[in-house]
Structures are given as C-alpha cells and as structure tokens.
Amino acid sequence: MLRPEYLESESRTGRGQKQLWDATDVNVAPLLMLLIAALAGCAGVVLALVLAWMRRRGASQWWVAKPLVDSEFANAPERIVLLILPLAAQTLIVGALAVLAAALAALLGAPTALINGLLLGALALEVVVWLVIAIPTAHSSVLPLWMYPAWLRGQRAADRERFQREARARRARR
C-alpha cells in the first residue's frame, strides 16, 4: 500500500535522501486491474449502445438479410448483430465488473483465492451463457424470434414458416 510519509533512503553516494514513498511498497496490480475494468466496461457499454441503435427501425439496417436464405452462413450479418456482438458486449461488461470486484478485494487485502474465485466464477458464467445461447442457434436459418427487433420479427416468422413448408415438401417427395 502507499505510505505518504517521507522515508529516509541511501543514495549511491551514501548521503540520506528524502523520497515520497518506497517503491517496494506500491502494489500496482489492483490499480492495473481497475484500469482494465474501466476500459473493458467502457468498451462493453459503447458496443451495447451501438447495437441498441442498430436495432431501431430506420437507424442502420445494412445487417438485415434481404431476402433471407435457408442457409447457415448466408445470414451472417444478422447473426453477428443479433447474437454474437450482444454476447460480446455482455461479456465485456461482466468481465469488467468481475475485475473491478477483484481489484477492490485486492485493495482491501482479500486473500488471493477469493480474487481468483471471483474471476473464475465470472468466466464460468459467461462460458455457460455462450453455450446455452449461441450453440443451439448456430445451425438454424432463422434465429429465435425473440432475438429480432419488433419491426423485423413478423418477416422472420413468415420466413421460418416458409422454410418449414419447403422442408416438409422435400421430405414428402422422398
């Protein structure tokens, strides 16, 4: 920890010299963690705000697939904007909060096991969220309808019905 009192130290010449603090007493890890938390948190919030703006009707619709194709990879911009980037923003924000909590715990002198537990717990939570949300939707042509903005949900419901009709027709021909 920082000690603001002046300490006596010896220089190479042997004369006493006053300095503000002893450099060996400064633990920069919590300060670096606070900086990382601030940067990650700001990046996550900015990304979330940009994504919220992109979901508005008339704002930025370059990512909307027109027409929607029954293929896993043809609708990549929609998947990126509606699935991957929101999860990335959430991960940045949760990571920033976990690092902030760990930095505060380190500044207060908490044991290293508690700090590591906080960080690993947040990491495990995010891995579970990514697995639960991203993997089941990775191989479908249409994402779950709740992921679409309201102005696009009706069109994607119609696309889903069309794809299901086409799939039933293909199965009936076999």
Protein backbone atom coordinates (compact mmCIF):
# COMPACT_ATOMS: atom_id res chain seq x y z
CA MET A 1 0.00 0.00 0.00
CA LEU A 2 1.05 3.59 -0.46
CA ARG A 3 2.51 5.27 2.58
CA PRO A 4 2.55 9.04 2.16
CA GLU A 5 5.09 9.74 4.89
CA TYR A 6 8.62 10.59 3.85
CA LEU A 7 11.15 7.80 4.16
CA GLU A 8 14.91 8.01 4.51
CA SER A 9 16.89 6.14 1.90
CA GLU A 10 20.53 5.95 0.97
CA SER A 11 21.73 7.04 -2.44
CA ARG A 12 24.86 5.68 -4.14
CA THR A 13 26.89 8.45 -2.58
CA GLY A 14 25.79 7.40 0.88
CA ARG A 15 24.00 10.62 1.75
CA GLY A 16 20.43 10.46 3.04
CA GLN A 17 17.79 11.46 0.55
CA LYS A 18 14.09 12.01 1.16
CA GLN A 19 11.51 10.40 -1.09
CA LEU A 20 7.74 10.36 -1.01
CA TRP A 21 7.30 6.57 -0.76
CA ASP A 22 9.26 3.41 -1.04
CA ALA A 23 8.72 1.87 -4.47
CA THR A 24 8.65 -1.63 -3.00
CA ASP A 25 5.52 -0.77 -1.01
CA VAL A 26 3.40 0.00 -4.07
CA ASN A 27 1.19 -2.81 -5.34
CA VAL A 28 0.27 -1.82 -8.88
CA ALA A 29 -1.77 -4.95 -9.66
CA PRO A 30 -5.05 -3.60 -8.23
CA LEU A 31 -4.51 -0.29 -9.99
CA LEU A 32 -3.87 -2.07 -13.27
CA MET A 33 -6.97 -4.18 -12.68
CA LEU A 34 -9.02 -1.02 -12.16
CA LEU A 35 -7.71 0.36 -15.45
CA ILE A 36 -8.56 -2.87 -17.27
CA ALA A 37 -12.03 -2.89 -15.71
CA ALA A 38 -12.64 0.69 -16.79
CA LEU A 39 -11.52 0.05 -20.36
CA ALA A 40 -13.47 -3.20 -20.74
CA GLY A 41 -16.56 -1.69 -19.15
CA CYS A 42 -16.46 1.34 -21.42
CA ALA A 43 -15.97 -0.85 -24.49
CA GLY A 44 -18.90 -3.06 -23.47
CA VAL A 45 -21.21 -0.12 -22.84
CA VAL A 46 -20.28 1.58 -26.12
CA LEU A 47 -20.83 -1.67 -28.03
CA ALA A 48 -24.19 -2.19 -26.32
CA LEU A 49 -25.28 1.35 -27.19
CA VAL A 50 -24.24 0.96 -30.83
CA LEU A 51 -26.15 -2.33 -31.02
CA ALA A 52 -29.23 -0.76 -29.44
CA TRP A 53 -29.06 1.99 -32.07
CA MET A 54 -28.69 -0.58 -34.86
CA ARG A 55 -31.87 -2.38 -33.74
CA ARG A 56 -34.00 0.74 -34.19
CA ARG A 57 -36.12 0.94 -37.31
CA GLY A 58 -34.59 3.29 -39.82
CA ALA A 59 -31.28 3.62 -38.00
CA SER A 60 -28.83 1.25 -39.61
CA GLN A 61 -30.21 -1.72 -41.47
CA TRP A 62 -27.25 -2.88 -43.54
CA TRP A 63 -27.15 -6.05 -41.47
CA VAL A 64 -30.68 -7.22 -42.35
CA ALA A 65 -30.59 -10.09 -44.85
CA LYS A 66 -32.90 -9.40 -47.79
CA PRO A 67 -34.18 -11.93 -48.74
CA LEU A 68 -33.48 -14.44 -46.01
CA VAL A 69 -31.88 -17.59 -47.40
CA ASP A 70 -32.26 -21.08 -45.93
CA SER A 71 -28.57 -21.45 -45.20
CA GLU A 72 -26.48 -21.39 -42.06
CA PHE A 73 -23.89 -18.95 -43.37
CA ALA A 74 -25.84 -16.74 -45.78
CA ASN A 75 -27.35 -14.68 -42.97
CA ALA A 76 -24.09 -13.99 -41.15
CA PRO A 77 -24.59 -10.23 -40.63
CA GLU A 78 -27.87 -10.87 -38.81
CA ARG A 79 -26.21 -13.48 -36.62
CA ILE A 80 -23.32 -11.16 -35.84
CA VAL A 81 -25.50 -8.16 -34.95
CA LEU A 82 -28.25 -10.04 -33.12
CA LEU A 83 -26.28 -12.83 -31.42
CA ILE A 84 -22.50 -12.55 -31.34
CA LEU A 85 -22.00 -8.83 -30.66
CA PRO A 86 -24.60 -8.60 -27.86
CA LEU A 87 -22.97 -11.58 -26.17
CA ALA A 88 -19.57 -9.93 -26.62
CA ALA A 89 -20.85 -6.68 -25.08
CA GLN A 90 -22.30 -8.61 -22.16
CA THR A 91 -19.04 -10.49 -21.70
CA LEU A 92 -17.07 -7.24 -21.64
CA ILE A 93 -19.40 -5.71 -19.06
CA VAL A 94 -19.50 -8.80 -16.84
CA GLY A 95 -15.72 -9.16 -17.13
CA ALA A 96 -15.25 -5.52 -16.19
CA LEU A 97 -17.47 -5.93 -13.14
CA ALA A 98 -15.62 -9.08 -12.10
CA VAL A 99 -12.22 -7.42 -12.49
CA LEU A 100 -13.50 -4.37 -10.61
CA ALA A 101 -14.70 -6.57 -7.75
CA ALA A 102 -11.38 -8.43 -7.74
CA ALA A 103 -9.41 -5.17 -7.74
CA LEU A 104 -11.43 -3.80 -4.84
CA ALA A 105 -10.96 -7.08 -2.98
CA ALA A 106 -7.21 -6.86 -3.62
CA LEU A 107 -7.08 -3.27 -2.41
CA LEU A 108 -8.89 -4.28 0.76
CA GLY A 109 -6.42 -7.11 1.32
CA ALA A 110 -8.64 -10.08 0.49
CA PRO A 111 -6.97 -13.45 0.00
CA THR A 112 -5.83 -14.35 -3.48
CA ALA A 113 -8.13 -17.40 -3.52
CA LEU A 114 -11.17 -15.13 -3.20
CA ILE A 115 -9.97 -12.91 -6.01
CA ASN A 116 -9.27 -15.88 -8.27
CA GLY A 117 -12.67 -17.33 -7.38
CA LEU A 118 -14.40 -14.12 -8.44
CA LEU A 119 -12.65 -14.07 -11.79
CA LEU A 120 -13.09 -17.78 -12.49
CA GLY A 121 -16.75 -17.63 -11.46
CA ALA A 122 -17.43 -14.81 -13.89
CA LEU A 123 -15.57 -16.67 -16.63
CA ALA A 124 -17.54 -19.86 -15.99
CA LEU A 125 -20.82 -17.93 -16.02
CA GLU A 126 -20.01 -16.37 -19.38
CA VAL A 127 -18.97 -19.69 -20.90
CA VAL A 128 -22.28 -21.21 -19.81
CA VAL A 129 -24.23 -18.26 -21.26
CA TRP A 130 -22.39 -18.55 -24.58
CA LEU A 131 -23.00 -22.31 -24.69
CA VAL A 132 -26.68 -22.03 -23.81
CA ILE A 133 -27.46 -19.20 -26.24
CA ALA A 134 -25.00 -19.43 -29.12
CA ILE A 135 -24.66 -23.14 -29.79
CA PRO A 136 -28.35 -24.06 -30.19
CA THR A 137 -28.89 -21.19 -32.60
CA ALA A 138 -25.73 -21.72 -34.61
CA HIS A 139 -27.18 -24.12 -37.15
CA SER A 140 -30.62 -22.68 -37.78
CA SER A 141 -31.59 -20.48 -40.71
CA VAL A 142 -33.73 -18.20 -38.58
CA LEU A 143 -32.69 -17.15 -35.10
CA PRO A 144 -35.25 -17.45 -32.30
CA LEU A 145 -37.88 -14.77 -32.90
CA TRP A 146 -37.26 -13.06 -29.55
CA MET A 147 -33.80 -12.04 -30.78
CA TYR A 148 -35.19 -9.96 -33.63
CA PRO A 149 -36.32 -6.37 -33.18
CA ALA A 150 -40.10 -5.91 -33.25
CA TRP A 151 -40.08 -4.39 -36.74
CA LEU A 152 -38.35 -7.47 -38.19
CA ARG A 153 -40.00 -10.20 -36.12
CA GLY A 154 -43.07 -10.60 -38.36
CA GLN A 155 -40.97 -11.01 -41.50
CA ARG A 156 -38.72 -13.60 -39.85
CA ALA A 157 -41.76 -15.54 -38.57
CA ALA A 158 -43.03 -15.70 -42.15
CA ASP A 159 -39.56 -16.79 -43.33
CA ARG A 160 -39.49 -19.53 -40.71
CA GLU A 161 -42.89 -20.82 -41.83
CA ARG A 162 -41.75 -20.75 -45.47
CA PHE A 163 -38.60 -22.74 -44.64
CA GLN A 164 -40.65 -25.28 -42.68
CA ARG A 165 -43.10 -25.69 -45.59
CA GLU A 166 -40.21 -26.19 -48.01
CA ALA A 167 -38.61 -28.76 -45.70
CA ARG A 168 -41.90 -30.68 -45.38
CA ALA A 169 -42.30 -30.64 -49.17
CA ARG A 170 -38.76 -32.01 -49.62
CA ARG A 171 -39.44 -34.78 -47.10
CA ALA A 172 -42.75 -35.65 -48.80
CA ARG A 173 -41.01 -36.05 -52.19
CA ARG A 174 -38.61 -38.65 -50.83
